[in-house]
Protein backbone atom coordinates (compact mmCIF):
# COMPACT_ATOMS: atom_id res chain seq x y z
CA MET A 1 86.73 164.32 92.20
CA THR A 2 84.33 165.10 95.03
CA MET A 3 85.28 165.14 98.67
CA SER A 4 84.66 161.95 100.64
CA LYS A 5 81.83 161.67 103.17
CA ARG A 6 84.42 161.46 105.95
CA GLY A 7 86.01 164.69 104.74
CA LYS A 8 82.69 166.53 104.84
CA MET A 9 82.08 165.30 108.37
CA ILE A 10 85.49 166.58 109.44
CA LEU A 11 84.87 170.01 107.93
CA ALA A 12 81.53 170.23 109.72
CA THR A 13 83.01 169.44 113.14
CA LEU A 14 86.20 171.51 113.24
CA LEU A 15 84.96 173.89 115.92
CA PRO A 16 87.54 174.69 118.59
CA ALA A 17 86.94 173.83 122.21
CA ALA A 18 86.73 176.46 124.91
CA LEU A 19 89.93 178.46 125.33
CA ASN A 20 92.00 177.68 128.38
CA GLY A 21 95.54 178.42 129.49
CA CYS A 22 97.92 176.78 131.94
CA GLY A 23 100.87 177.54 134.08
CA GLY A 24 104.14 175.67 134.18
CA ASP A 25 107.50 175.46 135.86
CA GLY A 26 109.58 175.21 132.69
CA ASP A 27 111.30 177.86 130.64
CA LEU A 28 107.95 178.99 129.18
CA SER A 29 106.62 180.34 132.48
CA PRO A 30 104.15 183.20 131.92
CA ARG A 31 105.85 186.45 130.97
CA PRO A 32 105.40 189.23 128.42
CA PRO A 33 106.96 188.74 124.98
CA GLU A 34 110.26 190.39 124.20
CA LYS A 35 108.66 191.91 121.11
CA THR A 36 105.54 191.79 118.93
CA PHE A 37 105.04 192.79 115.33
CA GLY A 38 101.98 193.14 113.15
CA ASP A 39 98.47 194.49 113.68
CA HIS A 40 95.16 194.37 111.83
CA GLY A 41 95.15 195.82 108.33
CA LEU A 42 96.24 195.46 104.72
CA GLY A 43 99.36 197.58 104.86
CA PRO A 44 102.98 196.40 104.93
CA GLY A 45 103.60 194.39 108.09
CA GLN A 46 99.89 194.14 108.90
CA PHE A 47 97.73 191.01 108.88
CA VAL A 48 94.17 189.88 108.35
CA TYR A 49 94.04 186.64 110.34
CA PRO A 50 97.42 185.07 109.49
CA ARG A 51 97.32 181.27 109.43
CA ALA A 52 100.86 180.08 108.69
CA LEU A 53 104.41 181.02 109.63
CA THR A 54 107.86 179.59 108.99
CA VAL A 55 111.46 180.62 109.64
CA ALA A 56 114.05 180.26 106.86
CA PRO A 57 117.64 179.07 107.41
CA ASP A 58 118.84 182.69 107.06
CA GLY A 59 116.46 183.78 109.83
CA ALA A 60 113.84 185.41 107.62
CA VAL A 61 110.27 184.98 108.87
CA PHE A 62 107.47 184.29 106.39
CA ALA A 63 103.76 184.55 107.15
CA VAL A 64 100.57 184.27 105.08
CA ASP A 65 97.15 185.68 105.96
CA LYS A 66 93.53 185.30 104.81
CA TYR A 67 94.05 187.84 102.05
CA ALA A 68 96.52 185.35 100.53
CA ARG A 69 99.41 187.75 101.11
CA ILE A 70 102.82 186.29 101.85
CA GLN A 71 105.06 188.64 103.81
CA ARG A 72 108.75 188.35 104.64
CA PHE A 73 110.22 189.89 107.78
CA LYS A 74 113.73 190.27 109.16
CA PRO A 75 114.51 188.20 112.27
CA ASP A 76 113.66 191.25 114.42
CA GLY A 77 110.20 191.54 112.83
CA THR A 78 110.99 194.38 110.42
CA PHE A 79 108.84 194.14 107.27
CA GLU A 80 110.76 193.44 104.04
CA ILE A 81 108.52 192.32 101.17
CA CYS A 82 104.98 191.17 100.33
CA TRP A 83 103.40 189.32 97.41
CA GLN A 84 99.99 187.84 96.60
CA MET A 85 99.23 184.25 95.78
CA PRO A 86 98.27 183.83 92.09
CA GLU A 87 94.73 182.67 92.98
CA TRP A 88 92.78 183.13 96.20
CA LEU A 89 89.01 183.41 95.65
CA SER A 90 88.45 179.75 96.54
CA GLY A 91 90.44 180.00 99.77
CA LYS A 92 93.77 180.86 101.30
CA PRO A 93 96.91 178.89 102.28
CA THR A 94 97.28 177.37 105.75
CA GLY A 95 100.87 176.11 105.66
CA LEU A 96 104.40 177.29 104.86
CA GLY A 97 107.75 175.51 104.79
CA VAL A 98 111.29 176.40 103.75
CA ASP A 99 113.93 173.93 102.55
CA ALA A 100 117.68 174.07 103.13
CA SER A 101 118.23 176.14 99.99
CA GLY A 102 115.73 178.80 101.11
CA ARG A 103 112.89 177.92 98.75
CA LEU A 104 109.45 178.69 100.19
CA PHE A 105 106.81 175.96 99.89
CA VAL A 106 103.19 177.08 100.26
CA ALA A 107 100.41 174.63 101.04
CA ASP A 108 97.85 176.28 98.77
CA THR A 109 95.12 174.56 100.70
CA HIS A 110 91.93 175.34 98.81
CA TYR A 111 93.55 174.90 95.40
CA HIS A 112 94.79 171.43 96.38
CA ARG A 113 98.39 172.04 95.37
CA VAL A 114 101.79 173.17 96.60
CA MET A 115 103.41 176.33 95.23
CA VAL A 116 107.17 176.91 95.36
CA PHE A 117 108.71 180.41 95.42
CA ASP A 118 112.11 181.95 95.91
CA ARG A 119 112.52 184.24 98.90
CA ASP A 120 111.45 187.27 96.84
CA GLY A 121 108.19 185.78 95.57
CA LYS A 122 109.23 184.47 92.15
CA GLU A 123 107.31 181.29 91.37
CA LEU A 124 109.63 178.33 90.81
CA ALA A 125 107.23 175.39 90.58
CA ARG A 126 103.82 174.03 91.49
CA PHE A 127 102.56 170.47 91.93
CA GLY A 128 99.41 168.61 92.94
CA SER A 129 95.73 168.57 92.03
CA MET A 130 92.50 167.70 93.82
CA GLY A 131 91.91 164.00 94.37
CA GLU A 132 92.61 160.88 96.37
CA GLU A 133 95.28 159.27 94.19
CA MET A 134 98.95 159.25 95.07
CA GLY A 135 100.32 162.76 94.53
CA GLN A 136 96.89 164.39 94.68
CA PHE A 137 95.58 166.43 97.60
CA ILE A 138 92.44 167.36 99.46
CA PHE A 139 93.25 170.49 101.43
CA PRO A 140 97.04 170.34 101.96
CA THR A 141 98.01 171.88 105.29
CA ASP A 142 101.82 171.96 105.56
CA VAL A 143 105.10 171.15 103.84
CA ALA A 144 108.51 170.06 105.16
CA SER A 145 111.71 168.72 103.58
CA ASP A 146 114.27 166.23 104.87
CA GLY A 147 118.06 166.11 104.66
CA ASP A 148 117.98 164.51 101.21
CA GLY A 149 115.67 167.11 99.73
CA ASN A 150 112.57 164.91 99.78
CA ILE A 151 109.36 166.86 100.30
CA TYR A 152 106.56 165.87 102.67
CA VAL A 153 103.04 167.28 102.34
CA ALA A 154 100.31 166.91 104.97
CA GLU A 155 96.62 167.14 104.10
CA TYR A 156 93.16 166.71 105.59
CA GLY A 157 89.59 166.70 104.26
CA GLY A 158 89.34 162.93 103.85
CA ASN A 159 92.85 161.95 102.77
CA ASP A 160 94.31 162.88 106.18
CA ARG A 161 97.76 161.64 105.28
CA ILE A 162 101.33 162.67 104.58
CA THR A 163 102.83 162.09 101.14
CA ARG A 164 106.54 161.95 100.42
CA PHE A 165 107.78 163.40 97.12
CA THR A 166 111.21 163.23 95.51
CA PRO A 167 113.15 166.50 95.17
CA ASP A 168 111.70 166.82 91.66
CA PHE A 169 108.11 166.49 93.01
CA LYS A 170 107.33 162.88 92.12
CA PRO A 171 105.16 161.09 94.73
CA VAL A 172 106.70 157.91 96.13
CA ALA A 173 104.81 156.99 99.32
CA SER A 174 102.14 158.08 101.75
CA PHE A 175 101.36 157.25 105.37
CA GLY A 176 98.95 158.13 108.17
CA GLY A 177 95.85 157.77 106.01
CA GLN A 178 92.63 155.91 106.65
CA LYS A 179 92.72 152.34 107.96
CA THR A 180 96.32 152.58 109.16
CA GLY A 181 95.48 151.71 112.76
CA GLU A 182 97.35 153.64 115.45
CA ALA A 183 99.08 155.72 112.75
CA GLU A 184 95.81 157.07 111.33
CA LEU A 185 95.78 160.87 111.33
CA LEU A 186 92.89 163.35 111.56
CA ARG A 187 93.85 166.76 110.23
CA PRO A 188 97.65 166.70 110.41
CA GLN A 189 97.96 170.47 110.50
CA SER A 190 101.72 170.93 110.97
CA ILE A 191 104.85 168.85 110.35
CA ALA A 192 108.49 169.38 111.31
CA PHE A 193 111.72 167.38 111.17
CA ASP A 194 114.22 167.04 113.99
CA ALA A 195 118.00 166.63 113.71
CA GLN A 196 117.63 162.83 113.40
CA TRP A 197 115.18 163.31 110.51
CA ASP A 198 112.22 161.99 112.41
CA LEU A 199 109.01 163.73 111.39
CA TRP A 200 106.84 165.26 114.12
CA VAL A 201 103.16 165.74 113.28
CA ALA A 202 100.57 167.94 115.00
CA ASP A 203 97.64 165.53 114.67
CA ALA A 204 95.16 168.31 115.39
CA CYS A 205 91.78 166.61 115.64
CA HIS A 206 93.20 163.67 117.61
CA HIS A 207 94.69 166.22 120.03
CA ARG A 208 98.08 164.56 119.96
CA ILE A 209 101.61 164.69 118.59
CA CYS A 210 102.97 161.81 116.49
CA ARG A 211 106.54 160.95 115.49
CA PHE A 212 107.19 159.07 112.25
CA SER A 213 110.30 157.82 110.50
CA ARG A 214 110.98 159.27 107.08
CA GLU A 215 109.61 156.06 105.62
CA GLY A 216 106.32 156.57 107.45
CA ARG A 217 106.64 154.16 110.39
CA LEU A 218 104.92 155.41 113.54
CA LEU A 219 107.60 155.67 116.24
CA SER A 220 105.75 157.30 119.14
CA ARG A 221 102.81 159.49 120.03
CA PHE A 222 101.56 161.45 123.01
CA GLY A 223 98.72 163.72 124.04
CA ALA A 224 95.02 163.60 124.85
CA MET A 225 92.28 166.20 124.72
CA GLY A 226 92.22 168.50 127.73
CA THR A 227 93.39 171.71 129.34
CA ALA A 228 95.90 170.47 131.92
CA PRO A 229 99.66 170.64 131.32
CA GLY A 230 100.56 167.72 129.06
CA GLN A 231 97.12 167.68 127.45
CA LEU A 232 96.25 169.32 124.14
CA GLN A 233 93.35 170.95 122.34
CA TYR A 234 93.72 171.29 118.58
CA PRO A 235 97.51 171.47 118.29
CA TYR A 236 97.94 173.42 115.07
CA GLY A 237 101.68 174.08 115.14
CA VAL A 238 104.78 172.06 116.06
CA ALA A 239 108.44 173.04 115.94
CA VAL A 240 111.59 171.28 117.13
CA ARG A 241 114.17 173.12 119.22
CA PRO A 242 117.91 172.54 118.69
CA ASP A 243 117.97 170.46 121.89
CA GLY A 244 115.34 168.11 120.43
CA THR A 245 112.45 169.26 122.62
CA LEU A 246 109.19 170.38 121.06
CA LEU A 247 107.11 173.52 121.02
CA VAL A 248 103.43 172.98 120.32
CA CYS A 249 101.02 175.78 119.49
CA GLU A 250 97.49 174.97 120.67
CA PHE A 251 94.68 176.63 118.75
CA GLY A 252 92.07 175.41 121.22
CA ASN A 253 93.92 176.19 124.46
CA ALA A 254 95.38 179.54 123.37
CA ARG A 255 98.85 178.65 124.57
CA LEU A 256 102.30 177.43 123.61
CA GLN A 257 103.44 174.25 125.34
CA HIS A 258 106.99 172.88 125.70
CA PHE A 259 107.45 169.09 125.67
CA ASP A 260 110.34 166.70 125.93
CA ARG A 261 110.54 163.98 123.28
CA ASN A 262 108.54 161.57 125.45
CA GLY A 263 105.60 163.93 125.85
CA LYS A 264 106.34 165.31 129.30
CA SER A 265 105.19 168.92 129.59
CA LEU A 266 108.06 171.25 130.49
CA GLY A 267 105.96 174.40 130.75
CA CYS A 268 103.34 176.57 129.07
CA TRP A 269 103.22 180.14 127.82
CA GLY A 270 100.17 182.22 127.03
CA SER A 271 96.52 182.44 128.06
CA PRO A 272 93.36 183.60 126.26
CA GLY A 273 93.20 187.34 125.66
CA ARG A 274 94.38 190.39 123.75
CA GLU A 275 97.19 191.71 125.92
CA PRO A 276 100.91 191.04 125.33
CA GLY A 277 101.61 187.50 126.48
CA GLN A 278 98.05 186.44 125.76
CA LEU A 279 96.87 184.61 122.65
CA CYS A 280 93.78 184.20 120.49
CA ALA A 281 93.51 181.17 118.18
CA PRO A 282 97.26 180.75 117.57
CA TRP A 283 98.03 178.75 114.44
CA ALA A 284 101.80 178.32 114.22
CA VAL A 285 105.18 178.50 115.92
CA GLY A 286 108.65 178.96 114.45
CA ILE A 287 112.15 178.89 115.91
CA GLY A 288 114.89 181.27 114.80
CA GLY A 289 118.63 180.83 114.99
CA ASN A 290 118.71 183.99 117.11
CA GLY A 291 117.12 182.16 120.04
CA PHE A 292 113.73 183.72 119.45
CA VAL A 293 110.51 181.75 119.23
CA TYR A 294 107.86 183.25 116.94
CA VAL A 295 104.24 182.58 117.91
CA LEU A 296 101.63 183.35 115.26
CA ASP A 297 98.87 184.96 117.32
CA SER A 298 96.31 184.69 114.55
CA GLY A 299 93.21 186.06 116.23
CA ASN A 300 95.20 189.10 117.37
CA ASN A 301 96.78 189.66 113.93
CA ARG A 302 100.34 189.69 115.26
CA VAL A 303 103.47 187.67 115.93
CA GLN A 304 104.79 187.49 119.48
CA MET A 305 108.49 186.85 120.02
CA ILE A 306 109.77 185.17 123.16
CA LYS A 307 113.31 184.20 124.10
CA MET A 308 114.27 180.68 125.11
C-alpha cells in the first residue's frame, strides 16, 4: 500500500525550527551534566546519530543509532552489549520501549513493524506490516506498555495514530488519527505512561503534549510553538517522573523542559551547542531509578546524565 498524500506532505515539511534555549527557576536550571557517555564512531559505546533511548526496570539503558545498532549500558553509562537489527538498508528505528518484564520493543520505523527482543538481543517476536488497516503501520515511532501488558504503538506518515494491542499482539483499538478533532495527532514521536496509566504523547508537529486514557479518550493537552518557557518546538521525547511531572525533550529548541501535569513550565535545561550541558537535536529522554535523567544528545552522539 502506498503512503497517503498527507503522509508525503508531512515528510516533506519535517524541518526543525531554529534552535533556541531558555532559562528557568526550577530544578533544571542550567548546569553541567553529572556525566556523559558516548562519542562519534562505530565502536562499543559509540554512536552515529542515536535516535531512541529507553530505561529498563532494572536500570539498564538502551539506545539505537542510525547504523541500526542497539546498545545496552549499565545505569552509570558503562557499555555492556551491542547487536544489529536484522534489516536496516531501508531505514533505522526511531523508538524503543521496555515492558515490566524487561522485554525490549523496537519501533522498526522504516520496516513498518515492531520487533521484540530480550535484554541480550535475542528476537522474541515481531508484528505489523505497512498499511492503513488496524494493526498495520506507516512509520511507527514508539512503543509503550500499560499495567495489564497491553502494548501501544505510535506512528506517523499519514496514519498519525496510536494503536493498542493485546499482550499477544492483536490490535484492538486506535485513537488520535485523522478526523478525530482535538485529539488528532501529527507525528506522535514519543509515548509514556504515568502511575495512573494515563498515556502522555509528544505530539511533535503540533508542538504540544497530549494526555489520553488507556481507552484513547483525550484528557488534556498543552503547548504551542515557540521558544519561551512553556512553549515547545518539535517535542520528540516525553518521560514521566515518579512525582507525576513531565520531562520533555525538544528537538527544535535544543533543551529539556520540566512541566507539571497542567503544562506549567518548572524549568529548562540545555542550550544549543557542543559543550557539556549543551544539546544538538536531542531526540529522547529517560528516567532511571537511580535519580538520573538520561538525555539523548543525538547531534552530539552522546548521552548526558543529570541528577534530579
